[in-house]
Amino acid sequence: MLKKHLFCLLILLAVAACFAGDIPKNTKLEVRLDETLGSDISQSGQNFSATVTRSISLGKEGLKKGDHVSGVVKYAESTMNYYRPGEIDLELTSVTSNGKVCQIATNTLRFQGKERQADPSTGKQDDRGARGEDIARGAIGVAGAANTAPAQTIPGTDVAVGPSTPVTGMQVVLPAKSKLTFTITSN
């Protein structure tokens, strides 16, 4: 009876064995965000989800387009109502393929907003255009692409904007459906 239970346990361990160790170091993993992330809307330690956009063949196993990926916001710093540029750092932590959840380690992607322009007459930073830049890039994202991601409200204003490019203003905004490429750092 004990041998039978031990055999069943070994079979379960073999079935649950993770293929993540088979992913070679420095493999590029391209994903599409399933949600909007940003310096002023995300928190350090927050989990996020993404989807694999390009299959990776690993012999018998592999990652397929559409597999689920989980990640974590390693660091998020708000613009503090446009006092400083925002920043957000992302890493992937696991991938689910063929019903198996495997832990992975990737590089950190860091996105940082632009510094405010200095007023030439006073030498002080001028934020008169900072909110306008974030509003304009949001509007351009809506008009220029048929992206249906939800709008986000710009902190300190009543203005809601849609998808935009990630780092052209003080805020960092990574809209849902943004494509990011991570690199596997260990196997």
Protein backbone atom coordinates (compact mmCIF):
# COMPACT_ATOMS: atom_id res chain seq x y z
CA MET A 1 0.00 0.00 0.00
CA LEU A 2 2.84 2.38 0.88
CA LYS A 3 4.56 1.64 -2.44
CA LYS A 4 1.34 2.46 -4.28
CA HIS A 5 1.04 5.86 -2.54
CA LEU A 6 4.71 6.60 -3.14
CA PHE A 7 4.33 5.72 -6.82
CA CYS A 8 1.26 8.01 -7.12
CA LEU A 9 3.17 10.82 -5.42
CA LEU A 10 6.09 10.45 -7.86
CA ILE A 11 3.69 10.48 -10.82
CA LEU A 12 2.05 13.68 -9.54
CA LEU A 13 5.44 15.34 -9.04
CA ALA A 14 6.51 14.38 -12.56
CA VAL A 15 3.28 15.77 -14.02
CA ALA A 16 3.60 18.98 -12.02
CA ALA A 17 7.26 19.41 -12.94
CA CYS A 18 7.82 22.88 -14.24
CA PHE A 19 9.36 23.60 -17.61
CA ALA A 20 10.66 27.05 -16.56
CA GLY A 21 14.13 25.59 -15.95
CA ASP A 22 14.11 24.64 -19.63
CA ILE A 23 13.78 28.26 -20.75
CA PRO A 24 17.33 29.31 -21.66
CA LYS A 25 18.80 32.36 -19.97
CA ASN A 26 18.56 35.53 -22.13
CA THR A 27 15.40 34.29 -23.89
CA LYS A 28 13.21 37.24 -24.91
CA LEU A 29 9.63 36.96 -23.64
CA GLU A 30 7.22 39.31 -25.41
CA VAL A 31 3.98 40.02 -23.54
CA ARG A 32 0.89 42.22 -23.85
CA LEU A 33 -0.41 43.89 -20.67
CA ASP A 34 -3.92 42.86 -19.65
CA GLU A 35 -4.41 46.02 -17.58
CA THR A 36 -3.28 49.64 -17.46
CA LEU A 37 -0.29 50.42 -15.25
CA GLY A 38 1.13 53.83 -14.45
CA SER A 39 3.33 55.81 -12.12
CA ASP A 40 0.33 57.62 -10.61
CA ILE A 41 -2.12 54.69 -10.54
CA SER A 42 0.04 51.65 -9.60
CA GLN A 43 1.59 50.75 -6.26
CA SER A 44 4.92 49.08 -5.43
CA GLY A 45 4.26 45.37 -4.85
CA GLN A 46 1.10 45.35 -6.97
CA ASN A 47 0.62 42.25 -9.11
CA PHE A 48 -0.32 42.54 -12.76
CA SER A 49 -1.23 40.14 -15.54
CA ALA A 50 -0.12 39.87 -19.14
CA THR A 51 -0.40 37.50 -22.09
CA VAL A 52 2.39 35.90 -24.14
CA THR A 53 2.32 37.39 -27.68
CA ARG A 54 4.96 35.21 -29.32
CA SER A 55 5.34 31.44 -28.86
CA ILE A 56 8.63 30.01 -27.58
CA SER A 57 9.50 26.42 -28.51
CA LEU A 58 11.23 24.39 -25.79
CA GLY A 59 11.28 20.90 -27.27
CA LYS A 60 8.26 18.91 -26.02
CA GLU A 61 7.00 21.81 -23.92
CA GLY A 62 6.92 25.48 -24.71
CA LEU A 63 5.16 28.75 -24.22
CA LYS A 64 2.30 29.40 -26.57
CA LYS A 65 0.86 32.67 -27.74
CA GLY A 66 -1.97 33.43 -25.31
CA ASP A 67 -0.38 31.82 -22.22
CA HIS A 68 -0.95 33.78 -18.99
CA VAL A 69 1.95 35.65 -17.35
CA SER A 70 2.03 37.27 -13.91
CA GLY A 71 4.29 40.09 -12.84
CA VAL A 72 4.89 42.56 -10.06
CA VAL A 73 5.36 46.32 -9.94
CA LYS A 74 8.75 46.40 -8.20
CA TYR A 75 8.67 50.16 -7.77
CA ALA A 76 6.18 52.91 -8.52
CA GLU A 77 6.68 56.57 -7.78
CA SER A 78 3.95 59.09 -8.39
CA THR A 79 4.51 62.49 -9.95
CA MET A 80 3.26 63.88 -6.61
CA ASN A 81 0.76 66.13 -8.39
CA TYR A 82 3.34 66.98 -11.07
CA TYR A 83 6.11 67.85 -8.62
CA ARG A 84 8.57 65.29 -10.09
CA PRO A 85 8.66 62.76 -12.95
CA GLY A 86 6.89 59.47 -12.30
CA GLU A 87 8.63 56.11 -12.44
CA ILE A 88 7.54 52.49 -12.65
CA ASP A 89 9.63 49.29 -12.61
CA LEU A 90 8.17 45.93 -13.72
CA GLU A 91 9.29 42.28 -13.52
CA LEU A 92 7.64 39.02 -14.52
CA THR A 93 7.28 36.36 -11.81
CA SER A 94 5.43 33.38 -13.29
CA VAL A 95 3.96 31.90 -16.44
CA THR A 96 1.07 29.47 -16.79
CA SER A 97 1.18 27.06 -19.72
CA ASN A 98 -0.67 23.78 -20.21
CA GLY A 99 -2.14 24.14 -16.71
CA LYS A 100 1.30 24.42 -15.08
CA VAL A 101 2.31 27.51 -13.11
CA CYS A 102 6.06 28.08 -13.24
CA GLN A 103 8.14 30.68 -11.43
CA ILE A 104 10.44 32.73 -13.67
CA ALA A 105 12.97 35.50 -13.15
CA THR A 106 13.29 38.36 -15.64
CA ASN A 107 15.08 41.64 -16.00
CA THR A 108 13.47 44.79 -14.60
CA LEU A 109 11.88 47.15 -17.13
CA ARG A 110 12.15 50.74 -15.89
CA PHE A 111 10.06 53.57 -17.29
CA GLN A 112 10.54 57.17 -16.18
CA GLY A 113 8.67 60.34 -17.07
CA LYS A 114 10.31 63.50 -18.38
CA GLU A 115 11.55 66.32 -16.16
CA ARG A 116 9.50 69.51 -16.30
CA GLN A 117 10.80 72.34 -18.40
CA ALA A 118 12.54 75.17 -16.53
CA ASP A 119 11.10 78.66 -16.97
CA PRO A 120 13.96 80.62 -18.62
CA SER A 121 13.04 83.86 -16.83
CA THR A 122 13.01 82.40 -13.29
CA GLY A 123 15.05 79.20 -13.60
CA LYS A 124 12.32 77.33 -11.72
CA GLN A 125 10.54 74.30 -13.02
CA ASP A 126 7.35 75.16 -14.86
CA ASP A 127 4.46 72.70 -14.82
CA ARG A 128 2.09 74.75 -16.94
CA GLY A 129 2.57 72.37 -19.85
CA ALA A 130 3.07 69.12 -17.93
CA ARG A 131 -0.61 68.26 -17.48
CA GLY A 132 -1.29 69.49 -20.99
CA GLU A 133 1.39 67.12 -22.35
CA ASP A 134 -0.20 64.17 -20.54
CA ILE A 135 -3.67 65.20 -21.77
CA ALA A 136 -2.41 65.65 -25.35
CA ARG A 137 -0.60 62.32 -25.48
CA GLY A 138 -3.70 60.62 -24.11
CA ALA A 139 -5.88 62.24 -26.76
CA ILE A 140 -3.40 61.36 -29.52
CA GLY A 141 -3.45 57.74 -28.33
CA VAL A 142 -7.24 57.70 -28.58
CA ALA A 143 -7.41 59.37 -31.98
CA GLY A 144 -4.38 57.66 -33.51
CA ALA A 145 -5.17 54.07 -32.56
CA ALA A 146 -8.38 52.13 -32.32
CA ASN A 147 -7.48 50.95 -28.81
CA THR A 148 -10.47 50.32 -26.56
CA ALA A 149 -8.61 50.50 -23.22
CA PRO A 150 -10.46 52.40 -20.48
CA ALA A 151 -9.71 56.04 -19.84
CA GLN A 152 -7.68 57.15 -16.81
CA THR A 153 -8.11 60.38 -14.85
CA ILE A 154 -5.02 62.58 -14.63
CA PRO A 155 -4.28 63.30 -10.94
CA GLY A 156 -5.01 66.86 -9.91
CA THR A 157 -7.49 67.35 -12.77
CA ASP A 158 -10.95 66.24 -13.81
CA VAL A 159 -9.61 65.20 -17.21
CA ALA A 160 -9.88 61.55 -18.31
CA VAL A 161 -7.64 60.35 -21.12
CA GLY A 162 -7.38 57.11 -23.03
CA PRO A 163 -4.37 55.06 -24.09
CA SER A 164 -1.10 56.80 -24.83
CA THR A 165 2.59 56.27 -25.27
CA PRO A 166 4.34 55.32 -22.03
CA VAL A 167 6.86 58.03 -21.30
CA THR A 168 6.39 61.28 -23.22
CA GLY A 169 5.05 63.31 -20.27
CA MET A 170 5.79 63.47 -16.55
CA GLN A 171 3.54 60.50 -15.86
CA VAL A 172 4.38 57.01 -17.02
CA VAL A 173 1.26 55.40 -18.49
CA LEU A 174 1.37 51.84 -19.84
CA PRO A 175 -2.10 51.20 -21.27
CA ALA A 176 -3.68 47.77 -21.41
CA LYS A 177 -2.55 45.97 -24.58
CA SER A 178 0.92 47.59 -24.45
CA LYS A 179 3.60 45.18 -25.70
CA LEU A 180 6.66 44.75 -23.52
CA THR A 181 9.71 42.52 -23.95
CA PHE A 182 11.37 40.96 -20.91
CA THR A 183 14.52 38.82 -20.78
CA ILE A 184 14.73 35.61 -18.74
CA THR A 185 17.62 36.17 -16.29
CA SER A 186 18.01 32.70 -14.76
CA ASN A 187 16.81 29.18 -15.40
